[in-house]
Amino acid sequence: AFRTGGIPDWLVNEENGLLAPSLDV
């Protein structure tokens, strides 16, 4: 997912998914 809004409440980067900077394709 993109790191935006409330997503980081449930997605912890490198723990249960991967986060990318917002809008960075």
PDB file of all heavy atoms in Angstrom:
ATOM      1  N   ALA A   1       0.840  -1.200   0.000  1.00  0.00           N
ATOM      2  CA  ALA A   1       0.000   0.000   0.000  1.00  0.00           C
ATOM      3  C   ALA A   1       0.870   1.243   0.000  1.00  0.00           C
ATOM      4  O   ALA A   1       2.073   1.194   0.295  1.00  0.00           O
ATOM      5  CB  ALA A   1      -0.920   0.003   1.225  1.00  0.00           C
ATOM      6  N   PHE A   2       0.245   2.362  -0.318  1.00  0.00           N
ATOM      7  CA  PHE A   2       0.895   3.651  -0.139  1.00  0.00           C
ATOM      8  C   PHE A   2       0.748   4.073   1.321  1.00  0.00           C
ATOM      9  O   PHE A   2      -0.269   3.792   1.963  1.00  0.00           O
ATOM     10  CB  PHE A   2       0.263   4.712  -1.045  1.00  0.00           C
ATOM     11  CG  PHE A   2       0.629   4.586  -2.495  1.00  0.00           C
ATOM     12  CD1 PHE A   2      -0.339   4.348  -3.458  1.00  0.00           C
ATOM     13  CD2 PHE A   2       1.948   4.720  -2.910  1.00  0.00           C
ATOM     14  CE1 PHE A   2      -0.015   4.234  -4.797  1.00  0.00           C
ATOM     15  CE2 PHE A   2       2.293   4.608  -4.251  1.00  0.00           C
ATOM     16  CZ  PHE A   2       1.306   4.363  -5.198  1.00  0.00           C
ATOM     17  N   ARG A   3       1.747   4.754   1.833  1.00  0.00           N
ATOM     18  CA  ARG A   3       1.702   5.262   3.208  1.00  0.00           C
ATOM     19  C   ARG A   3       0.835   6.523   3.223  1.00  0.00           C
ATOM     20  O   ARG A   3       1.312   7.642   3.006  1.00  0.00           O
ATOM     21  CB  ARG A   3       3.115   5.576   3.711  1.00  0.00           C
ATOM     22  CG  ARG A   3       3.160   5.984   5.197  1.00  0.00           C
ATOM     23  CD  ARG A   3       4.569   6.424   5.595  1.00  0.00           C
ATOM     24  NE  ARG A   3       5.517   5.333   5.503  1.00  0.00           N
ATOM     25  CZ  ARG A   3       5.724   4.440   6.466  1.00  0.00           C
ATOM     26  NH1 ARG A   3       5.044   4.522   7.593  1.00  0.00           N
ATOM     27  NH2 ARG A   3       6.618   3.479   6.304  1.00  0.00           N
ATOM     28  N   THR A   4      -0.434   6.354   3.469  1.00  0.00           N
ATOM     29  CA  THR A   4      -1.353   7.490   3.461  1.00  0.00           C
ATOM     30  C   THR A   4      -2.522   7.223   4.390  1.00  0.00           C
ATOM     31  O   THR A   4      -2.929   6.074   4.597  1.00  0.00           O
ATOM     32  CB  THR A   4      -1.861   7.759   2.019  1.00  0.00           C
ATOM     33  OG1 THR A   4      -2.660   8.937   1.999  1.00  0.00           O
ATOM     34  CG2 THR A   4      -2.683   6.597   1.490  1.00  0.00           C
ATOM     35  N   GLY A   5      -3.061   8.288   4.956  1.00  0.00           N
ATOM     36  CA  GLY A   5      -4.257   8.185   5.783  1.00  0.00           C
ATOM     37  C   GLY A   5      -4.083   7.233   6.954  1.00  0.00           C
ATOM     38  O   GLY A   5      -3.067   7.211   7.649  1.00  0.00           O
ATOM     39  N   GLY A   6      -5.134   6.409   7.173  1.00  0.00           N
ATOM     40  CA  GLY A   6      -5.149   5.496   8.304  1.00  0.00           C
ATOM     41  C   GLY A   6      -4.528   4.143   8.032  1.00  0.00           C
ATOM     42  O   GLY A   6      -4.541   3.266   8.914  1.00  0.00           O
ATOM     43  N   ILE A   7      -3.983   3.935   6.842  1.00  0.00           N
ATOM     44  CA  ILE A   7      -3.413   2.624   6.495  1.00  0.00           C
ATOM     45  C   ILE A   7      -2.313   2.182   7.462  1.00  0.00           C
ATOM     46  O   ILE A   7      -2.268   1.012   7.866  1.00  0.00           O
ATOM     47  CB  ILE A   7      -2.927   2.631   5.031  1.00  0.00           C
ATOM     48  CG1 ILE A   7      -4.143   2.634   4.090  1.00  0.00           C
ATOM     49  CG2 ILE A   7      -2.029   1.434   4.727  1.00  0.00           C
ATOM     50  CD1 ILE A   7      -3.808   2.785   2.620  1.00  0.00           C
ATOM     51  N   PRO A   8      -1.401   3.085   7.903  1.00  0.00           N
ATOM     52  CA  PRO A   8      -0.357   2.628   8.833  1.00  0.00           C
ATOM     53  C   PRO A   8      -0.875   2.144  10.188  1.00  0.00           C
ATOM     54  O   PRO A   8      -0.111   1.558  10.958  1.00  0.00           O
ATOM     55  CB  PRO A   8       0.514   3.889   9.001  1.00  0.00           C
ATOM     56  CG  PRO A   8       0.337   4.642   7.727  1.00  0.00           C
ATOM     57  CD  PRO A   8      -1.118   4.444   7.389  1.00  0.00           C
ATOM     58  N   ASP A   9      -2.160   2.363  10.499  1.00  0.00           N
ATOM     59  CA  ASP A   9      -2.707   1.814  11.741  1.00  0.00           C
ATOM     60  C   ASP A   9      -2.702   0.287  11.718  1.00  0.00           C
ATOM     61  O   ASP A   9      -2.560  -0.350  12.757  1.00  0.00           O
ATOM     62  CB  ASP A   9      -4.147   2.310  11.966  1.00  0.00           C
ATOM     63  CG  ASP A   9      -4.189   3.681  12.609  1.00  0.00           C
ATOM     64  OD1 ASP A   9      -3.197   4.423  12.503  1.00  0.00           O
ATOM     65  OD2 ASP A   9      -5.218   4.016  13.229  1.00  0.00           O
ATOM     66  N   TRP A  10      -2.923  -0.294  10.530  1.00  0.00           N
ATOM     67  CA  TRP A  10      -2.967  -1.759  10.448  1.00  0.00           C
ATOM     68  C   TRP A  10      -1.816  -2.357   9.651  1.00  0.00           C
ATOM     69  O   TRP A  10      -1.519  -3.531   9.791  1.00  0.00           O
ATOM     70  CB  TRP A  10      -4.304  -2.234   9.874  1.00  0.00           C
ATOM     71  CG  TRP A  10      -4.744  -1.579   8.593  1.00  0.00           C
ATOM     72  CD1 TRP A  10      -5.592  -0.512   8.465  1.00  0.00           C
ATOM     73  CD2 TRP A  10      -4.380  -1.947   7.262  1.00  0.00           C
ATOM     74  NE1 TRP A  10      -5.765  -0.191   7.129  1.00  0.00           N
ATOM     75  CE2 TRP A  10      -5.040  -1.054   6.382  1.00  0.00           C
ATOM     76  CE3 TRP A  10      -3.558  -2.952   6.737  1.00  0.00           C
ATOM     77  CZ2 TRP A  10      -4.906  -1.132   4.998  1.00  0.00           C
ATOM     78  CZ3 TRP A  10      -3.413  -3.027   5.351  1.00  0.00           C
ATOM     79  CH2 TRP A  10      -4.083  -2.127   4.500  1.00  0.00           C
ATOM     80  N   LEU A  11      -1.155  -1.571   8.804  1.00  0.00           N
ATOM     81  CA  LEU A  11      -0.048  -2.091   8.005  1.00  0.00           C
ATOM     82  C   LEU A  11       1.264  -1.568   8.573  1.00  0.00           C
ATOM     83  O   LEU A  11       1.565  -0.379   8.471  1.00  0.00           O
ATOM     84  CB  LEU A  11      -0.196  -1.683   6.531  1.00  0.00           C
ATOM     85  CG  LEU A  11       0.553  -2.555   5.510  1.00  0.00           C
ATOM     86  CD1 LEU A  11       0.128  -2.222   4.091  1.00  0.00           C
ATOM     87  CD2 LEU A  11       2.057  -2.431   5.620  1.00  0.00           C
ATOM     88  N   VAL A  12       2.023  -2.471   9.167  1.00  0.00           N
ATOM     89  CA  VAL A  12       3.342  -2.122   9.690  1.00  0.00           C
ATOM     90  C   VAL A  12       4.371  -2.560   8.650  1.00  0.00           C
ATOM     91  O   VAL A  12       4.475  -3.753   8.320  1.00  0.00           O
ATOM     92  CB  VAL A  12       3.611  -2.817  11.038  1.00  0.00           C
ATOM     93  CG1 VAL A  12       4.995  -2.453  11.558  1.00  0.00           C
ATOM     94  CG2 VAL A  12       2.533  -2.419  12.049  1.00  0.00           C
ATOM     95  N   ASN A  13       5.114  -1.609   8.126  1.00  0.00           N
ATOM     96  CA  ASN A  13       6.057  -1.903   7.053  1.00  0.00           C
ATOM     97  C   ASN A  13       7.052  -2.979   7.449  1.00  0.00           C
ATOM     98  O   ASN A  13       7.632  -2.939   8.545  1.00  0.00           O
ATOM     99  CB  ASN A  13       6.809  -0.621   6.665  1.00  0.00           C
ATOM    100  CG  ASN A  13       7.599  -0.779   5.390  1.00  0.00           C
ATOM    101  OD1 ASN A  13       7.140  -1.391   4.428  1.00  0.00           O
ATOM    102  ND2 ASN A  13       8.812  -0.237   5.370  1.00  0.00           N
ATOM    103  N   GLU A  14       7.233  -3.963   6.580  1.00  0.00           N
ATOM    104  CA  GLU A  14       8.151  -5.092   6.757  1.00  0.00           C
ATOM    105  C   GLU A  14       7.671  -6.097   7.815  1.00  0.00           C
ATOM    106  O   GLU A  14       8.330  -7.100   8.047  1.00  0.00           O
ATOM    107  CB  GLU A  14       9.575  -4.625   7.129  1.00  0.00           C
ATOM    108  CG  GLU A  14      10.231  -3.747   6.084  1.00  0.00           C
ATOM    109  CD  GLU A  14      10.728  -4.530   4.862  1.00  0.00           C
ATOM    110  OE1 GLU A  14      10.700  -5.769   4.899  1.00  0.00           O
ATOM    111  OE2 GLU A  14      11.145  -3.875   3.878  1.00  0.00           O
ATOM    112  N   GLU A  15       6.504  -5.836   8.438  1.00  0.00           N
ATOM    113  CA  GLU A  15       5.968  -6.793   9.398  1.00  0.00           C
ATOM    114  C   GLU A  15       4.819  -7.593   8.799  1.00  0.00           C
ATOM    115  O   GLU A  15       4.844  -8.817   8.802  1.00  0.00           O
ATOM    116  CB  GLU A  15       5.491  -6.101  10.667  1.00  0.00           C
ATOM    117  CG  GLU A  15       4.906  -7.072  11.691  1.00  0.00           C
ATOM    118  CD  GLU A  15       4.415  -6.393  12.945  1.00  0.00           C
ATOM    119  OE1 GLU A  15       5.131  -5.518  13.474  1.00  0.00           O
ATOM    120  OE2 GLU A  15       3.304  -6.729  13.409  1.00  0.00           O
ATOM    121  N   ASN A  16       3.773  -6.909   8.292  1.00  0.00           N
ATOM    122  CA  ASN A  16       2.662  -7.624   7.666  1.00  0.00           C
ATOM    123  C   ASN A  16       2.373  -7.114   6.254  1.00  0.00           C
ATOM    124  O   ASN A  16       1.364  -7.461   5.655  1.00  0.00           O
ATOM    125  CB  ASN A  16       1.387  -7.522   8.520  1.00  0.00           C
ATOM    126  CG  ASN A  16       0.906  -6.087   8.664  1.00  0.00           C
ATOM    127  OD1 ASN A  16       1.675  -5.190   8.979  1.00  0.00           O
ATOM    128  ND2 ASN A  16      -0.377  -5.859   8.444  1.00  0.00           N
ATOM    129  N   GLY A  17       3.275  -6.306   5.729  1.00  0.00           N
ATOM    130  CA  GLY A  17       3.120  -5.791   4.379  1.00  0.00           C
ATOM    131  C   GLY A  17       4.236  -4.814   4.071  1.00  0.00           C
ATOM    132  O   GLY A  17       5.191  -4.666   4.839  1.00  0.00           O
ATOM    133  N   LEU A  18       4.096  -4.143   2.948  1.00  0.00           N
ATOM    134  CA  LEU A  18       5.107  -3.181   2.513  1.00  0.00           C
ATOM    135  C   LEU A  18       4.441  -1.861   2.189  1.00  0.00           C
ATOM    136  O   LEU A  18       3.399  -1.828   1.509  1.00  0.00           O
ATOM    137  CB  LEU A  18       5.854  -3.712   1.288  1.00  0.00           C
ATOM    138  CG  LEU A  18       6.596  -5.041   1.477  1.00  0.00           C
ATOM    139  CD1 LEU A  18       7.138  -5.551   0.142  1.00  0.00           C
ATOM    140  CD2 LEU A  18       7.732  -4.902   2.502  1.00  0.00           C
ATOM    141  N   LEU A  19       5.033  -0.777   2.663  1.00  0.00           N
ATOM    142  CA  LEU A  19       4.514   0.568   2.427  1.00  0.00           C
ATOM    143  C   LEU A  19       5.440   1.325   1.485  1.00  0.00           C
ATOM    144  O   LEU A  19       6.665   1.263   1.626  1.00  0.00           O
ATOM    145  CB  LEU A  19       4.398   1.339   3.737  1.00  0.00           C
ATOM    146  CG  LEU A  19       3.233   0.977   4.665  1.00  0.00           C
ATOM    147  CD1 LEU A  19       3.433   1.629   6.035  1.00  0.00           C
ATOM    148  CD2 LEU A  19       1.901   1.383   4.055  1.00  0.00           C
ATOM    149  N   ALA A  20       4.835   2.038   0.541  1.00  0.00           N
ATOM    150  CA  ALA A  20       5.595   2.903  -0.368  1.00  0.00           C
ATOM    151  C   ALA A  20       5.181   4.344  -0.109  1.00  0.00           C
ATOM    152  O   ALA A  20       4.047   4.602   0.303  1.00  0.00           O
ATOM    153  CB  ALA A  20       5.312   2.527  -1.826  1.00  0.00           C
ATOM    154  N   PRO A  21       6.078   5.301  -0.336  1.00  0.00           N
ATOM    155  CA  PRO A  21       5.689   6.706  -0.165  1.00  0.00           C
ATOM    156  C   PRO A  21       4.486   7.039  -1.040  1.00  0.00           C
ATOM    157  O   PRO A  21       4.353   6.533  -2.154  1.00  0.00           O
ATOM    158  CB  PRO A  21       6.939   7.477  -0.619  1.00  0.00           C
ATOM    159  CG  PRO A  21       8.064   6.508  -0.440  1.00  0.00           C
ATOM    160  CD  PRO A  21       7.490   5.152  -0.731  1.00  0.00           C
ATOM    161  N   SER A  22       3.601   7.872  -0.520  1.00  0.00           N
ATOM    162  CA  SER A  22       2.364   8.213  -1.215  1.00  0.00           C
ATOM    163  C   SER A  22       2.634   8.694  -2.637  1.00  0.00           C
ATOM    164  O   SER A  22       3.510   9.550  -2.864  1.00  0.00           O
ATOM    165  CB  SER A  22       1.624   9.300  -0.434  1.00  0.00           C
ATOM    166  OG  SER A  22       0.421   9.638  -1.069  1.00  0.00           O
ATOM    167  N   LEU A  23       1.929   8.118  -3.588  1.00  0.00           N
ATOM    168  CA  LEU A  23       1.942   8.480  -5.015  1.00  0.00           C
ATOM    169  C   LEU A  23       3.239   8.120  -5.736  1.00  0.00           C
ATOM    170  O   LEU A  23       3.389   8.432  -6.920  1.00  0.00           O
ATOM    171  CB  LEU A  23       1.659   9.984  -5.212  1.00  0.00           C
ATOM    172  CG  LEU A  23       0.382  10.532  -4.563  1.00  0.00           C
ATOM    173  CD1 LEU A  23       0.241  12.026  -4.860  1.00  0.00           C
ATOM    174  CD2 LEU A  23      -0.848   9.790  -5.049  1.00  0.00           C
ATOM    175  N   ASP A  24       4.179   7.458  -5.074  1.00  0.00           N
ATOM    176  CA  ASP A  24       5.454   7.094  -5.686  1.00  0.00           C
ATOM    177  C   ASP A  24       5.289   5.754  -6.416  1.00  0.00           C
ATOM    178  O   ASP A  24       5.428   4.679  -5.829  1.00  0.00           O
ATOM    179  CB  ASP A  24       6.540   6.998  -4.614  1.00  0.00           C
ATOM    180  CG  ASP A  24       7.938   6.834  -5.191  1.00  0.00           C
ATOM    181  OD1 ASP A  24       8.063   6.294  -6.308  1.00  0.00           O
ATOM    182  OD2 ASP A  24       8.911   7.219  -4.506  1.00  0.00           O
ATOM    183  N   VAL A  25       5.011   5.834  -7.714  1.00  0.00           N
ATOM    184  CA  VAL A  25       4.695   4.635  -8.504  1.00  0.00           C
ATOM    185  C   VAL A  25       5.898   3.701  -8.586  1.00  0.00           C
ATOM    186  O   VAL A  25       5.752   2.472  -8.494  1.00  0.00           O
ATOM    187  CB  VAL A  25       4.211   5.038  -9.908  1.00  0.00           C
ATOM    188  CG1 VAL A  25       4.109   3.820 -10.821  1.00  0.00           C
ATOM    189  CG2 VAL A  25       2.860   5.741  -9.820  1.00  0.00           C
TER     190      VAL A  25
END
